[in-house]
PDB file of N, CA and C in Angstrom:
ATOM      1  N   MET A   1      -4.314  -2.660  -8.748  1.00  0.00           N
ATOM      2  CA  MET A   1      -3.947  -1.768  -8.161  1.00  0.00           C
ATOM      3  C   MET A   1      -3.976  -0.663  -8.922  1.00  0.00           C
ATOM      4  N   LYS A   2      -4.719   0.232 -10.314  1.00  0.00           N
ATOM      5  CA  LYS A   2      -4.671   0.714 -11.305  1.00  0.00           C
ATOM      6  C   LYS A   2      -5.234   2.156 -10.168  1.00  0.00           C
ATOM      7  N   GLN A   3      -5.399   1.523  -9.317  1.00  0.00           N
ATOM      8  CA  GLN A   3      -6.560   2.815  -8.259  1.00  0.00           C
ATOM      9  C   GLN A   3      -6.386   2.983  -7.280  1.00  0.00           C
ATOM     10  N   LEU A   4      -6.844   3.568  -6.120  1.00  0.00           N
ATOM     11  CA  LEU A   4      -7.614   3.550  -4.855  1.00  0.00           C
ATOM     12  C   LEU A   4      -8.826   3.648  -5.216  1.00  0.00           C
ATOM     13  N   ARG A   5      -9.303   3.826  -6.030  1.00  0.00           N
ATOM     14  CA  ARG A   5     -10.852   4.233  -6.110  1.00  0.00           C
ATOM     15  C   ARG A   5     -11.742   2.505  -5.439  1.00  0.00           C
ATOM     16  N   ASN A   6     -11.368   1.301  -5.713  1.00  0.00           N
ATOM     17  CA  ASN A   6     -12.140   0.601  -5.165  1.00  0.00           C
ATOM     18  C   ASN A   6     -11.881   0.302  -3.678  1.00  0.00           C
ATOM     19  N   PHE A   7     -10.663   0.545  -3.475  1.00  0.00           N
ATOM     20  CA  PHE A   7     -10.436   0.394  -2.048  1.00  0.00           C
ATOM     21  C   PHE A   7     -10.658   1.607  -1.451  1.00  0.00           C
ATOM     22  N   ASN A   8     -11.447   2.611  -1.640  1.00  0.00           N
ATOM     23  CA  ASN A   8     -12.107   3.878  -1.447  1.00  0.00           C
ATOM     24  C   ASN A   8     -12.933   3.249  -0.592  1.00  0.00           C
ATOM     25  N   LYS A   9     -14.175   2.430  -1.406  1.00  0.00           N
ATOM     26  CA  LYS A   9     -14.759   1.865  -1.138  1.00  0.00           C
ATOM     27  C   LYS A   9     -15.501   1.172  -0.318  1.00  0.00           C
ATOM     28  N   GLY A  10     -14.627   0.474  -0.439  1.00  0.00           N
ATOM     29  CA  GLY A  10     -14.648  -0.295   0.835  1.00  0.00           C
ATOM     30  C   GLY A  10     -14.024  -0.889   1.526  1.00  0.00           C
ATOM     31  N   ALA A  11     -12.537   0.911   1.796  1.00  0.00           N
ATOM     32  CA  ALA A  11     -13.011   1.307   2.704  1.00  0.00           C
ATOM     33  C   ALA A  11     -14.551   2.210   4.309  1.00  0.00           C
ATOM     34  N   ASP A  12     -14.725   3.361   3.102  1.00  0.00           N
ATOM     35  CA  ASP A  12     -15.767   3.437   3.549  1.00  0.00           C
ATOM     36  C   ASP A  12     -16.734   1.799   4.061  1.00  0.00           C
ATOM     37  N   ALA A  13     -16.717   0.606   3.160  1.00  0.00           N
ATOM     38  CA  ALA A  13     -17.284   0.443   3.949  1.00  0.00           C
ATOM     39  C   ALA A  13     -17.452  -0.378   5.000  1.00  0.00           C
ATOM     40  N   GLN A  14     -16.035  -0.641   5.549  1.00  0.00           N
ATOM     41  CA  GLN A  14     -15.044  -0.810   7.016  1.00  0.00           C
ATOM     42  C   GLN A  14     -15.589  -0.033   7.925  1.00  0.00           C
ATOM     43  N   GLY A  15     -15.270   0.925   7.432  1.00  0.00           N
ATOM     44  CA  GLY A  15     -15.391   2.406   8.413  1.00  0.00           C
ATOM     45  C   GLY A  15     -13.953   2.447   8.801  1.00  0.00           C
ATOM     46  N   LEU A  16     -12.900   1.952   7.373  1.00  0.00           N
ATOM     47  CA  LEU A  16     -12.000   1.968   7.403  1.00  0.00           C
ATOM     48  C   LEU A  16     -11.414   3.518   7.877  1.00  0.00           C
ATOM     49  N   LYS A  17     -12.151   4.581   6.615  1.00  0.00           N
ATOM     50  CA  LYS A  17     -12.016   5.748   6.869  1.00  0.00           C
ATOM     51  C   LYS A  17     -12.147   7.058   7.970  1.00  0.00           C
ATOM     52  N   ASP A  18     -12.217   6.457   9.182  1.00  0.00           N
ATOM     53  CA  ASP A  18     -13.008   7.022   9.984  1.00  0.00           C
ATOM     54  C   ASP A  18     -11.309   7.313  10.554  1.00  0.00           C
ATOM     55  N   ASN A  19     -10.554   6.279  10.137  1.00  0.00           N
ATOM     56  CA  ASN A  19      -9.322   6.335  11.031  1.00  0.00           C
ATOM     57  C   ASN A  19      -8.067   7.771  10.750  1.00  0.00           C
ATOM     58  N   PRO A  20      -7.813   8.838  10.362  1.00  0.00           N
ATOM     59  CA  PRO A  20      -6.971   9.534  10.053  1.00  0.00           C
ATOM     60  C   PRO A  20      -6.261   9.578   8.884  1.00  0.00           C
ATOM     61  N   ALA A  21      -5.109   8.214   9.664  1.00  0.00           N
ATOM     62  CA  ALA A  21      -3.943   8.151   8.246  1.00  0.00           C
ATOM     63  C   ALA A  21      -4.870   7.538   6.907  1.00  0.00           C
ATOM     64  N   VAL A  22      -5.568   6.919   7.223  1.00  0.00           N
ATOM     65  CA  VAL A  22      -6.746   5.517   6.817  1.00  0.00           C
ATOM     66  C   VAL A  22      -6.616   7.035   5.347  1.00  0.00           C
ATOM     67  N   ALA A  23      -7.774   7.896   6.513  1.00  0.00           N
ATOM     68  CA  ALA A  23      -8.098   9.049   5.067  1.00  0.00           C
ATOM     69  C   ALA A  23      -7.654   9.543   4.715  1.00  0.00           C
ATOM     70  N   ASP A  24      -6.094  10.222   5.316  1.00  0.00           N
ATOM     71  CA  ASP A  24      -5.846  10.513   4.794  1.00  0.00           C
ATOM     72  C   ASP A  24      -4.543  10.258   2.850  1.00  0.00           C
ATOM     73  N   ALA A  25      -4.702   8.492   3.509  1.00  0.00           N
ATOM     74  CA  ALA A  25      -4.055   8.229   2.670  1.00  0.00           C
ATOM     75  C   ALA A  25      -4.652   8.206   1.454  1.00  0.00           C
ATOM     76  N   LEU A  26      -6.080   8.157   1.626  1.00  0.00           N
ATOM     77  CA  LEU A  26      -7.167   8.211   0.928  1.00  0.00           C
ATOM     78  C   LEU A  26      -7.339   9.026  -0.678  1.00  0.00           C
ATOM     79  N   LYS A  27      -6.973  10.003  -0.069  1.00  0.00           N
ATOM     80  CA  LYS A  27      -6.888  11.586  -0.029  1.00  0.00           C
ATOM     81  C   LYS A  27      -5.838  11.153  -1.313  1.00  0.00           C
ATOM     82  N   LYS A  28      -4.445  11.768  -0.893  1.00  0.00           N
ATOM     83  CA  LYS A  28      -3.572  11.687  -0.835  1.00  0.00           C
ATOM     84  C   LYS A  28      -3.365  10.635  -2.249  1.00  0.00           C
ATOM     85  N   TYR A  29      -3.804   9.345  -2.238  1.00  0.00           N
ATOM     86  CA  TYR A  29      -3.345   8.529  -3.766  1.00  0.00           C
ATOM     87  C   TYR A  29      -4.137   8.591  -3.752  1.00  0.00           C
ATOM     88  N   ASP A  30      -5.540   8.570  -4.755  1.00  0.00           N
ATOM     89  CA  ASP A  30      -6.774   8.063  -4.786  1.00  0.00           C
ATOM     90  C   ASP A  30      -6.373   9.255  -5.852  1.00  0.00           C
ATOM     91  N   GLY A  31      -6.430   8.397  -7.492  1.00  0.00           N
ATOM     92  CA  GLY A  31      -6.768   8.757  -8.657  1.00  0.00           C
ATOM     93  C   GLY A  31      -4.442   8.337  -9.547  1.00  0.00           C
ATOM     94  N   MET A  32      -4.143   7.721  -8.333  1.00  0.00           N
ATOM     95  CA  MET A  32      -2.809   7.938  -8.726  1.00  0.00           C
ATOM     96  C   MET A  32      -2.809   6.671  -9.856  1.00  0.00           C
ATOM     97  N   GLY A  33      -2.397   6.757 -11.046  1.00  0.00           N
ATOM     98  CA  GLY A  33      -2.073   5.685 -12.233  1.00  0.00           C
ATOM     99  C   GLY A  33      -0.871   4.106 -10.957  1.00  0.00           C
ATOM    100  N   GLU A  34      -0.726   2.926 -11.572  1.00  0.00           N
ATOM    101  CA  GLU A  34      -0.606   2.048 -10.294  1.00  0.00           C
ATOM    102  C   GLU A  34       0.775   2.752 -10.939  1.00  0.00           C
ATOM    103  N   ASP A  35       1.645   3.342 -11.793  1.00  0.00           N
ATOM    104  CA  ASP A  35       3.271   3.354 -11.700  1.00  0.00           C
ATOM    105  C   ASP A  35       3.984   4.297 -10.836  1.00  0.00           C
ATOM    106  N   GLU A  36       2.883   5.075 -10.667  1.00  0.00           N
ATOM    107  CA  GLU A  36       3.047   6.418  -9.805  1.00  0.00           C
ATOM    108  C   GLU A  36       2.276   6.322  -8.835  1.00  0.00           C
ATOM    109  N   LEU A  37       1.436   5.058  -7.751  1.00  0.00           N
ATOM    110  CA  LEU A  37       1.502   4.352  -7.302  1.00  0.00           C
ATOM    111  C   LEU A  37       2.995   3.282  -6.239  1.00  0.00           C
ATOM    112  N   ILE A  38       3.640   2.472  -6.942  1.00  0.00           N
ATOM    113  CA  ILE A  38       4.967   2.108  -6.822  1.00  0.00           C
ATOM    114  C   ILE A  38       6.078   3.407  -6.720  1.00  0.00           C
ATOM    115  N   SER A  39       6.087   4.721  -7.119  1.00  0.00           N
ATOM    116  CA  SER A  39       7.162   4.987  -7.673  1.00  0.00           C
ATOM    117  C   SER A  39       6.859   5.049  -5.950  1.00  0.00           C
ATOM    118  N   ARG A  40       5.725   5.661  -6.141  1.00  0.00           N
ATOM    119  CA  ARG A  40       5.930   6.462  -4.558  1.00  0.00           C
ATOM    120  C   ARG A  40       6.177   5.919  -3.634  1.00  0.00           C
ATOM    121  N   LEU A  41       5.466   4.655  -3.259  1.00  0.00           N
ATOM    122  CA  LEU A  41       5.767   3.560  -2.295  1.00  0.00           C
ATOM    123  C   LEU A  41       7.554   4.010  -2.304  1.00  0.00           C
ATOM    124  N   LEU A  42       8.266   3.258  -3.234  1.00  0.00           N
ATOM    125  CA  LEU A  42       9.947   2.662  -3.307  1.00  0.00           C
ATOM    126  C   LEU A  42      10.693   4.461  -2.817  1.00  0.00           C
ATOM    127  N   GLU A  43       9.726   5.568  -3.520  1.00  0.00           N
ATOM    128  CA  GLU A  43      10.783   6.529  -2.650  1.00  0.00           C
ATOM    129  C   GLU A  43      10.481   6.467  -0.640  1.00  0.00           C
ATOM    130  N   SER A  44       8.865   6.991  -0.366  1.00  0.00           N
ATOM    131  CA  SER A  44       8.823   6.371   0.722  1.00  0.00           C
ATOM    132  C   SER A  44       9.754   4.875   1.610  1.00  0.00           C
ATOM    133  N   VAL A  45      10.137   4.394   1.390  1.00  0.00           N
ATOM    134  CA  VAL A  45      10.971   3.299   1.785  1.00  0.00           C
ATOM    135  C   VAL A  45      11.868   4.135   2.051  1.00  0.00           C
ATOM    136  N   ARG A  46      12.335   4.219   0.552  1.00  0.00           N
ATOM    137  CA  ARG A  46      13.541   4.464   0.626  1.00  0.00           C
ATOM    138  C   ARG A  46      14.279   6.226   1.915  1.00  0.00           C
ATOM    139  N   THR A  47      13.265   6.614   2.114  1.00  0.00           N
ATOM    140  CA  THR A  47      13.711   7.863   2.812  1.00  0.00           C
ATOM    141  C   THR A  47      13.324   6.974   4.178  1.00  0.00           C
ATOM    142  N   ALA A  48      12.336   6.162   4.800  1.00  0.00           N
ATOM    143  CA  ALA A  48      12.648   5.396   6.076  1.00  0.00           C
ATOM    144  C   ALA A  48      13.618   4.314   6.359  1.00  0.00           C
ATOM    145  N   ARG A  49      14.094   3.943   4.981  1.00  0.00           N
ATOM    146  CA  ARG A  49      15.352   3.058   4.745  1.00  0.00           C
ATOM    147  C   ARG A  49      16.470   4.271   5.558  1.00  0.00           C
ATOM    148  N   ALA A  50      16.359   5.080   4.413  1.00  0.00           N
ATOM    149  CA  ALA A  50      17.608   6.280   5.344  1.00  0.00           C
ATOM    150  C   ALA A  50      17.890   6.331   6.024  1.00  0.00           C
ATOM    151  N   ASP A  51      16.150   7.215   7.327  1.00  0.00           N
ATOM    152  CA  ASP A  51      16.083   7.693   8.090  1.00  0.00           C
ATOM    153  C   ASP A  51      16.097   6.727   9.725  1.00  0.00           C
ATOM    154  N   GLY A  52      16.541   4.859   9.382  1.00  0.00           N
ATOM    155  CA  GLY A  52      16.228   4.165  10.346  1.00  0.00           C
ATOM    156  C   GLY A  52      14.547   3.452  10.247  1.00  0.00           C
ATOM    157  N   THR A  53      14.099   3.897  10.384  1.00  0.00           N
ATOM    158  CA  THR A  53      12.132   3.754  10.010  1.00  0.00           C
ATOM    159  C   THR A  53      11.948   2.199  10.109  1.00  0.00           C
ATOM    160  N   TYR A  54      12.005   1.947   8.487  1.00  0.00           N
ATOM    161  CA  TYR A  54      11.223   0.832   7.796  1.00  0.00           C
ATOM    162  C   TYR A  54      11.767   0.093   8.618  1.00  0.00           C
ATOM    163  N   ASN A  55      10.236  -0.741   8.775  1.00  0.00           N
ATOM    164  CA  ASN A  55      10.099  -2.339   8.946  1.00  0.00           C
ATOM    165  C   ASN A  55       9.524  -3.187   7.894  1.00  0.00           C
ATOM    166  N   PRO A  56      10.277  -4.311   7.977  1.00  0.00           N
ATOM    167  CA  PRO A  56       9.785  -5.031   6.268  1.00  0.00           C
ATOM    168  C   PRO A  56       8.898  -5.562   6.997  1.00  0.00           C
ATOM    169  N   SER A  57       8.472  -6.247   8.181  1.00  0.00           N
ATOM    170  CA  SER A  57       7.356  -6.830   9.312  1.00  0.00           C
ATOM    171  C   SER A  57       6.362  -6.579   9.412  1.00  0.00           C
ATOM    172  N   GLN A  58       6.734  -4.228   9.324  1.00  0.00           N
ATOM    173  CA  GLN A  58       5.071  -3.983   8.781  1.00  0.00           C
ATOM    174  C   GLN A  58       4.621  -3.758   8.350  1.00  0.00           C
ATOM    175  N   MET A  59       5.233  -3.311   7.307  1.00  0.00           N
ATOM    176  CA  MET A  59       4.934  -3.651   5.856  1.00  0.00           C
ATOM    177  C   MET A  59       3.752  -4.287   5.149  1.00  0.00           C
ATOM    178  N   SER A  60       4.458  -5.765   5.619  1.00  0.00           N
ATOM    179  CA  SER A  60       4.197  -6.894   5.009  1.00  0.00           C
ATOM    180  C   SER A  60       2.776  -6.742   6.128  1.00  0.00           C
ATOM    181  N   ALA A  61       2.482  -6.215   6.915  1.00  0.00           N
ATOM    182  CA  ALA A  61       1.161  -6.196   7.632  1.00  0.00           C
ATOM    183  C   ALA A  61       0.162  -6.065   7.314  1.00  0.00           C
ATOM    184  N   TYR A  62       1.132  -4.248   6.375  1.00  0.00           N
ATOM    185  CA  TYR A  62      -0.066  -3.595   6.330  1.00  0.00           C
ATOM    186  C   TYR A  62      -0.098  -4.335   4.779  1.00  0.00           C
ATOM    187  N   VAL A  63       0.195  -4.483   3.634  1.00  0.00           N
ATOM    188  CA  VAL A  63      -0.044  -5.415   2.495  1.00  0.00           C
ATOM    189  C   VAL A  63      -1.127  -6.121   3.153  1.00  0.00           C
ATOM    190  N   ASP A  64      -1.540  -7.134   4.214  1.00  0.00           N
ATOM    191  CA  ASP A  64      -1.820  -8.229   4.283  1.00  0.00           C
ATOM    192  C   ASP A  64      -3.478  -8.009   4.939  1.00  0.00           C
ATOM    193  N   MET A  65      -2.930  -6.454   5.799  1.00  0.00           N
ATOM    194  CA  MET A  65      -4.960  -5.487   6.304  1.00  0.00           C
ATOM    195  C   MET A  65      -5.336  -5.394   4.328  1.00  0.00           C
ATOM    196  N   LEU A  66      -4.917  -4.874   3.830  1.00  0.00           N
ATOM    197  CA  LEU A  66      -4.994  -4.076   2.336  1.00  0.00           C
ATOM    198  C   LEU A  66      -5.833  -5.283   1.685  1.00  0.00           C
ATOM    199  N   ARG A  67      -5.127  -6.000   2.086  1.00  0.00           N
ATOM    200  CA  ARG A  67      -5.770  -8.094   1.326  1.00  0.00           C
ATOM    201  C   ARG A  67      -7.459  -7.199   0.465  1.00  0.00           C
ATOM    202  N   PRO A  68      -8.320  -7.708   1.604  1.00  0.00           N
ATOM    203  CA  PRO A  68      -9.090  -7.627   1.501  1.00  0.00           C
ATOM    204  C   PRO A  68     -10.214  -6.470   0.422  1.00  0.00           C
ATOM    205  N   HIS A  69      -9.256  -5.608  -0.042  1.00  0.00           N
ATOM    206  CA  HIS A  69      -9.317  -4.684  -0.778  1.00  0.00           C
ATOM    207  C   HIS A  69      -8.970  -4.171  -1.923  1.00  0.00           C
ATOM    208  N   LEU A  70      -8.600  -5.155  -2.553  1.00  0.00           N
ATOM    209  CA  LEU A  70      -7.600  -5.611  -3.530  1.00  0.00           C
ATOM    210  C   LEU A  70      -7.684  -6.923  -4.201  1.00  0.00           C
ATOM    211  N   SER A  71      -7.702  -6.883  -5.837  1.00  0.00           N
ATOM    212  CA  SER A  71      -8.707  -7.873  -6.150  1.00  0.00           C
ATOM    213  C   SER A  71      -6.811  -8.759  -5.704  1.00  0.00           C
ATOM    214  N   ALA A  72      -7.304 -10.336  -6.804  1.00  0.00           N
ATOM    215  CA  ALA A  72      -5.772 -10.859  -6.332  1.00  0.00           C
ATOM    216  C   ALA A  72      -4.733 -11.031  -7.732  1.00  0.00           C
ATOM    217  N   VAL A  73      -4.896  -9.963  -8.085  1.00  0.00           N
ATOM    218  CA  VAL A  73      -4.105  -9.495  -9.447  1.00  0.00           C
ATOM    219  C   VAL A  73      -3.406  -8.397  -8.687  1.00  0.00           C
ATOM    220  N   GLN A  74      -3.367  -7.512  -7.675  1.00  0.00           N
ATOM    221  CA  GLN A  74      -3.164  -6.313  -7.776  1.00  0.00           C
ATOM    222  C   GLN A  74      -2.224  -6.859  -5.817  1.00  0.00           C
ATOM    223  N   TYR A  75      -3.600  -7.803  -5.318  1.00  0.00           N
ATOM    224  CA  TYR A  75      -2.724  -8.309  -4.319  1.00  0.00           C
ATOM    225  C   TYR A  75      -1.163  -9.036  -4.677  1.00  0.00           C
ATOM    226  N   GLU A  76      -1.132  -9.582  -5.384  1.00  0.00           N
ATOM    227  CA  GLU A  76      -0.118 -10.075  -6.123  1.00  0.00           C
ATOM    228  C   GLU A  76       1.072  -9.730  -6.257  1.00  0.00           C
ATOM    229  N   LYS A  77       1.247  -8.504  -7.735  1.00  0.00           N
ATOM    230  CA  LYS A  77       1.857  -7.000  -7.939  1.00  0.00           C
ATOM    231  C   LYS A  77       2.073  -7.067  -6.946  1.00  0.00           C
ATOM    232  N   LEU A  78       1.336  -5.818  -5.513  1.00  0.00           N
ATOM    233  CA  LEU A  78       1.979  -5.492  -4.570  1.00  0.00           C
ATOM    234  C   LEU A  78       2.676  -6.124  -3.108  1.00  0.00           C
ATOM    235  N   ARG A  79       2.362  -7.979  -3.548  1.00  0.00           N
ATOM    236  CA  ARG A  79       2.887  -9.130  -3.191  1.00  0.00           C
ATOM    237  C   ARG A  79       4.021  -8.475  -3.067  1.00  0.00           C
ATOM    238  N   ASN A  80       4.348  -8.542  -4.777  1.00  0.00           N
ATOM    239  CA  ASN A  80       5.950  -8.836  -5.220  1.00  0.00           C
ATOM    240  C   ASN A  80       6.579  -8.269  -5.521  1.00  0.00           C
ATOM    241  N   VAL A  81       5.840  -6.784  -4.987  1.00  0.00           N
ATOM    242  CA  VAL A  81       6.651  -5.957  -5.452  1.00  0.00           C
ATOM    243  C   VAL A  81       7.270  -5.498  -3.812  1.00  0.00           C
ATOM    244  N   ILE A  82       6.100  -6.170  -2.517  1.00  0.00           N
ATOM    245  CA  ILE A  82       7.028  -5.605  -1.284  1.00  0.00           C
ATOM    246  C   ILE A  82       8.449  -7.536  -0.803  1.00  0.00           C
ATOM    247  N   THR A  83       8.279  -7.801  -1.516  1.00  0.00           N
ATOM    248  CA  THR A  83       9.102  -9.049  -0.918  1.00  0.00           C
ATOM    249  C   THR A  83      10.066  -8.757  -1.754  1.00  0.00           C
ATOM    250  N   LEU A  84      10.619  -8.357  -3.192  1.00  0.00           N
ATOM    251  CA  LEU A  84      11.583  -7.219  -3.547  1.00  0.00           C
ATOM    252  C   LEU A  84      12.374  -6.064  -3.006  1.00  0.00           C
ATOM    253  N   ILE A  85      11.214  -5.332  -2.056  1.00  0.00           N
ATOM    254  CA  ILE A  85      11.767  -4.360  -0.915  1.00  0.00           C
ATOM    255  C   ILE A  85      11.693  -5.290  -0.270  1.00  0.00           C
ATOM    256  N   ASN A  86      11.442  -5.997  -0.065  1.00  0.00           N
ATOM    257  CA  ASN A  86      11.476  -6.692   1.440  1.00  0.00           C
ATOM    258  C   ASN A  86      13.245  -7.758   0.873  1.00  0.00           C
ATOM    259  N   GLY A  87      13.287  -7.693   0.921  1.00  0.00           N
ATOM    260  CA  GLY A  87      14.694  -8.390  -0.159  1.00  0.00           C
ATOM    261  C   GLY A  87      14.975 -10.379   0.818  1.00  0.00           C
ATOM    262  N   GLU A  88      13.369 -10.911   0.027  1.00  0.00           N
ATOM    263  CA  GLU A  88      13.164 -12.042   1.113  1.00  0.00           C
ATOM    264  C   GLU A  88      13.083 -12.972  -0.692  1.00  0.00           C
ATOM    265  N   ASP A  89      13.757 -14.336  -0.071  1.00  0.00           N
ATOM    266  CA  ASP A  89      13.045 -15.091  -1.556  1.00  0.00           C
ATOM    267  C   ASP A  89      12.018 -14.994  -2.140  1.00  0.00           C
ATOM    268  N   VAL A  90      11.586 -15.165  -3.311  1.00  0.00           N
ATOM    269  CA  VAL A  90      10.007 -15.418  -4.482  1.00  0.00           C
ATOM    270  C   VAL A  90      10.063 -16.846  -4.951  1.00  0.00           C
TER     271      VAL A  90
END
C-alpha cells in the first residue's frame, strides 16, 4: 500500500479505469504514502459513521475487490486496518 501506482497499472489492465469512481480515486490518491492513505481512509470512515452511511460489509467487499491489485503484504495490512475499523475479532 505504499502508493497506488501499481494499482493504477492493474486497474488499466482490467478496464477499471473506465469506471469514473475508480478513475477519480486514482487521480486523488496516486502518489500518497501509506500513512497518508490510512489517514484519509480513517477520515472517510469517521465522516461516514457520523452521517450514518458507513457500511462495514460494503467496506469489506471493497477491500476484496482491491485484492488482485495488491501484494500479499499490502492486502494483509489493509485487511487488518479494516478489521480494526469494523470492530471485528482478529
